[in-house]
Amino acid sequence: MNDEPKSTSRIVPGIIAGLGIGGLNIGDSPEKVRTIMRASGVLSDYDTEHKVFNDFGYVPEHYLQFLIGFDSLDIFHEDENPAYPVFKVYYKSNATAFMIISSYGTEVYDYGFCRRITTEKGISFGDSEGDIRERYGKEDIKHIYSTYDGDYMFLRLGISFILEEGKVRVIRIFNPITDSKEIKKIEAHYKKIE
């Protein structure tokens, strides 16, 4: 499999916890996101996303983006994503609040290219739980849901890693959560649903 993207860009974007991927950052407006992504995405809203999760048998309240909150989101389909392997960008008050970066194969980015994308601490798609803990330490929360092995959430850093079959497949970026009351509230929520 070719490890170069099929788009004109050959730059491998970096991921920074609490900030974003490449030029796409937390706090960006929807217009800026679409410009950076070089795609319009499919605009959706909270109620629709909540219904989609329910329809697929997922409990929305088990997912961090619903706990953090959002008003709307852009969904970038696999073949309409020429800039970065970003699947969804969630907005709150017209600013990016949460993003999902995915290694699941697309027409534009194959898995080999995604393996070259790393976080500031050197974690890439395909890395293991041990790799995450070696570079980031112990997660604030580990939550297991659906068919995934676990979601390793680092709330204070603004990053989480979702593993399937022992490998990082999804990286999520959000504003670091530094308020101790908010952290305790989120931790209590996940303990309650274990």
Protein backbone atom coordinates (compact mmCIF):
# COMPACT_ATOMS: atom_id res chain seq x y z
CA MET A 1 0.00 0.00 0.00
CA ASN A 2 1.36 3.45 -0.90
CA ASP A 3 2.12 5.51 2.18
CA GLU A 4 1.73 8.91 0.49
CA PRO A 5 -1.59 10.75 0.53
CA LYS A 6 -3.39 11.00 -2.78
CA SER A 7 -3.89 14.73 -2.19
CA THR A 8 -1.44 17.36 -3.41
CA SER A 9 -0.14 17.95 0.12
CA ARG A 10 2.78 15.73 1.14
CA ILE A 11 3.26 17.35 4.55
CA VAL A 12 2.74 14.98 7.47
CA PRO A 13 0.77 16.96 10.08
CA GLY A 14 1.66 16.69 13.75
CA ILE A 15 -0.87 16.32 16.56
CA ILE A 16 -0.53 18.43 19.70
CA ALA A 17 -2.59 17.54 22.78
CA GLY A 18 -5.08 20.27 23.65
CA LEU A 19 -4.33 22.16 20.45
CA GLY A 20 -5.02 20.26 17.23
CA ILE A 21 -3.50 18.70 14.12
CA GLY A 22 -1.34 20.66 11.71
CA GLY A 23 -3.02 24.01 11.13
CA LEU A 24 -6.39 22.88 12.50
CA ASN A 25 -6.81 24.02 16.10
CA ILE A 26 -9.20 24.03 19.02
CA GLY A 27 -10.94 27.41 18.98
CA ASP A 28 -11.04 27.69 15.16
CA SER A 29 -14.29 28.89 13.60
CA PRO A 30 -16.25 26.51 11.34
CA GLU A 31 -15.27 28.64 8.34
CA LYS A 32 -11.58 28.36 9.18
CA VAL A 33 -11.91 24.60 9.72
CA ARG A 34 -13.51 24.12 6.30
CA THR A 35 -10.81 26.25 4.67
CA ILE A 36 -8.03 24.27 6.35
CA MET A 37 -9.72 20.96 5.56
CA ARG A 38 -10.28 22.07 1.95
CA ALA A 39 -13.74 20.50 2.22
CA SER A 40 -17.16 21.69 3.27
CA GLY A 41 -18.01 18.71 5.45
CA VAL A 42 -21.57 17.82 6.37
CA LEU A 43 -22.96 20.17 8.98
CA SER A 44 -25.01 18.55 11.74
CA ASP A 45 -26.27 19.55 15.19
CA TYR A 46 -26.39 18.19 18.73
CA ASP A 47 -29.86 16.63 18.49
CA THR A 48 -29.08 14.87 15.20
CA GLU A 49 -25.74 13.55 16.48
CA HIS A 50 -27.42 12.33 19.68
CA LYS A 51 -30.03 10.49 17.59
CA VAL A 52 -27.36 8.96 15.32
CA PHE A 53 -25.50 7.57 18.34
CA ASN A 54 -28.73 6.16 19.77
CA ASP A 55 -29.73 4.67 16.42
CA PHE A 56 -26.38 2.83 16.25
CA GLY A 57 -26.92 1.47 19.76
CA TYR A 58 -24.36 3.74 21.42
CA VAL A 59 -25.10 5.64 24.63
CA PRO A 60 -24.18 9.24 23.78
CA GLU A 61 -23.46 10.11 27.41
CA HIS A 62 -20.62 7.54 27.39
CA TYR A 63 -18.73 9.67 24.86
CA LEU A 64 -16.60 12.60 25.98
CA GLN A 65 -17.79 15.01 23.29
CA PHE A 66 -21.31 14.85 24.75
CA LEU A 67 -19.98 15.51 28.26
CA ILE A 68 -17.88 18.47 27.10
CA GLY A 69 -20.81 19.73 25.07
CA PHE A 70 -21.26 21.09 21.57
CA ASP A 71 -23.84 22.91 19.45
CA SER A 72 -22.97 21.66 15.97
CA LEU A 73 -20.40 19.61 14.08
CA ASP A 74 -18.88 19.04 10.68
CA ILE A 75 -18.52 15.47 9.46
CA PHE A 76 -15.79 14.97 6.88
CA HIS A 77 -16.44 11.86 4.84
CA GLU A 78 -13.55 9.66 3.83
CA ASP A 79 -13.35 10.72 0.20
CA GLU A 80 -13.93 14.44 0.90
CA ASN A 81 -11.02 14.89 3.28
CA PRO A 82 -7.97 16.08 1.33
CA ALA A 83 -6.13 17.91 4.10
CA TYR A 84 -6.05 15.84 7.30
CA PRO A 85 -7.52 12.51 8.46
CA VAL A 86 -10.08 14.36 10.62
CA PHE A 87 -13.46 12.65 10.84
CA LYS A 88 -15.53 15.06 12.95
CA VAL A 89 -15.07 18.56 14.32
CA TYR A 90 -17.46 19.63 17.08
CA TYR A 91 -18.25 23.32 17.67
CA LYS A 92 -19.41 25.12 20.79
CA SER A 93 -20.35 28.80 20.49
CA ASN A 94 -19.00 28.86 16.92
CA ALA A 95 -15.53 27.61 17.92
CA THR A 96 -13.92 24.17 17.62
CA ALA A 97 -14.29 22.38 20.96
CA PHE A 98 -13.48 18.77 20.07
CA MET A 99 -12.06 16.88 17.09
CA ILE A 100 -11.80 13.25 16.10
CA ILE A 101 -8.75 12.19 14.08
CA SER A 102 -9.12 8.70 12.66
CA SER A 103 -6.82 6.15 11.04
CA TYR A 104 -9.66 4.12 9.61
CA GLY A 105 -8.90 3.93 5.90
CA THR A 106 -9.96 6.68 3.56
CA GLU A 107 -9.64 7.28 -0.14
CA VAL A 108 -7.17 10.09 0.54
CA TYR A 109 -5.06 8.77 3.43
CA ASP A 110 -4.10 5.15 3.75
CA TYR A 111 -3.03 3.56 7.02
CA GLY A 112 0.67 3.77 6.16
CA PHE A 113 0.46 7.54 5.89
CA CYS A 114 -1.54 7.76 9.13
CA ARG A 115 1.23 5.80 10.90
CA ARG A 116 3.60 8.67 10.11
CA ILE A 117 1.37 11.20 11.91
CA THR A 118 2.50 11.50 15.52
CA THR A 119 1.62 13.43 18.64
CA GLU A 120 4.10 15.76 20.30
CA LYS A 121 5.14 12.84 22.52
CA GLY A 122 5.61 10.42 19.63
CA ILE A 123 2.38 8.39 19.73
CA SER A 124 1.09 7.29 16.34
CA PHE A 125 -1.77 5.26 15.00
CA GLY A 126 -0.99 1.59 15.57
CA ASP A 127 0.82 2.15 18.87
CA SER A 128 -0.16 0.17 21.97
CA GLU A 129 -1.51 0.89 25.45
CA GLY A 130 2.04 0.40 26.74
CA ASP A 131 3.36 2.99 24.30
CA ILE A 132 0.74 5.51 25.47
CA ARG A 133 1.51 4.98 29.15
CA GLU A 134 5.26 5.10 28.54
CA ARG A 135 4.98 8.53 26.90
CA TYR A 136 1.95 10.08 28.61
CA GLY A 137 1.83 8.30 31.97
CA LYS A 138 -1.34 6.92 33.53
CA GLU A 139 -4.55 8.14 31.95
CA ASP A 140 -7.13 10.08 33.96
CA ILE A 141 -9.89 7.74 32.76
CA LYS A 142 -9.97 4.46 30.87
CA HIS A 143 -13.41 3.69 29.52
CA ILE A 144 -14.34 0.59 27.53
CA TYR A 145 -17.33 0.74 25.20
CA SER A 146 -18.69 -0.71 22.00
CA THR A 147 -16.17 -2.91 20.17
CA TYR A 148 -13.17 -0.87 21.31
CA ASP A 149 -10.50 -2.03 23.77
CA GLY A 150 -10.61 1.27 25.59
CA ASP A 151 -10.61 5.02 25.47
CA TYR A 152 -7.57 6.39 27.33
CA MET A 153 -8.48 9.94 28.35
CA PHE A 154 -5.94 12.52 29.48
CA LEU A 155 -8.31 15.29 30.52
CA ARG A 156 -5.66 17.70 31.79
CA LEU A 157 -3.75 17.44 28.51
CA GLY A 158 -6.73 17.57 26.14
CA ILE A 159 -6.16 14.26 24.34
CA SER A 160 -7.60 10.76 24.29
CA PHE A 161 -6.66 7.58 22.45
CA ILE A 162 -9.15 4.92 21.38
CA LEU A 163 -7.69 1.45 20.83
CA GLU A 164 -9.10 -1.42 18.83
CA GLU A 165 -7.37 -4.79 18.66
CA GLY A 166 -4.64 -3.36 20.91
CA LYS A 167 -3.74 -0.49 18.57
CA VAL A 168 -4.42 3.24 18.56
CA ARG A 169 -7.02 3.86 15.86
CA VAL A 170 -8.58 7.18 16.92
CA ILE A 171 -7.09 10.26 18.58
CA ARG A 172 -9.37 12.93 19.98
CA ILE A 173 -8.31 16.49 20.81
CA PHE A 174 -10.11 18.96 23.06
CA ASN A 175 -9.41 21.89 25.37
CA PRO A 176 -7.48 20.67 28.40
CA ILE A 177 -9.78 20.33 31.41
CA THR A 178 -7.95 21.87 34.34
CA ASP A 179 -10.81 22.69 36.71
CA SER A 180 -10.58 20.06 39.46
CA LYS A 181 -14.36 20.09 40.05
CA GLU A 182 -15.02 19.42 36.35
CA ILE A 183 -12.44 16.61 36.31
CA LYS A 184 -14.02 15.00 39.39
CA LYS A 185 -17.46 15.30 37.81
CA ILE A 186 -16.30 13.54 34.62
CA GLU A 187 -14.41 10.87 36.59
CA ALA A 188 -17.51 10.24 38.76
CA HIS A 189 -19.64 9.96 35.63
CA TYR A 190 -17.42 7.27 34.12
CA LYS A 191 -17.13 5.36 37.41
CA LYS A 192 -20.92 5.30 37.61
CA ILE A 193 -21.28 3.74 34.16
CA GLU A 194 -18.55 1.09 34.52
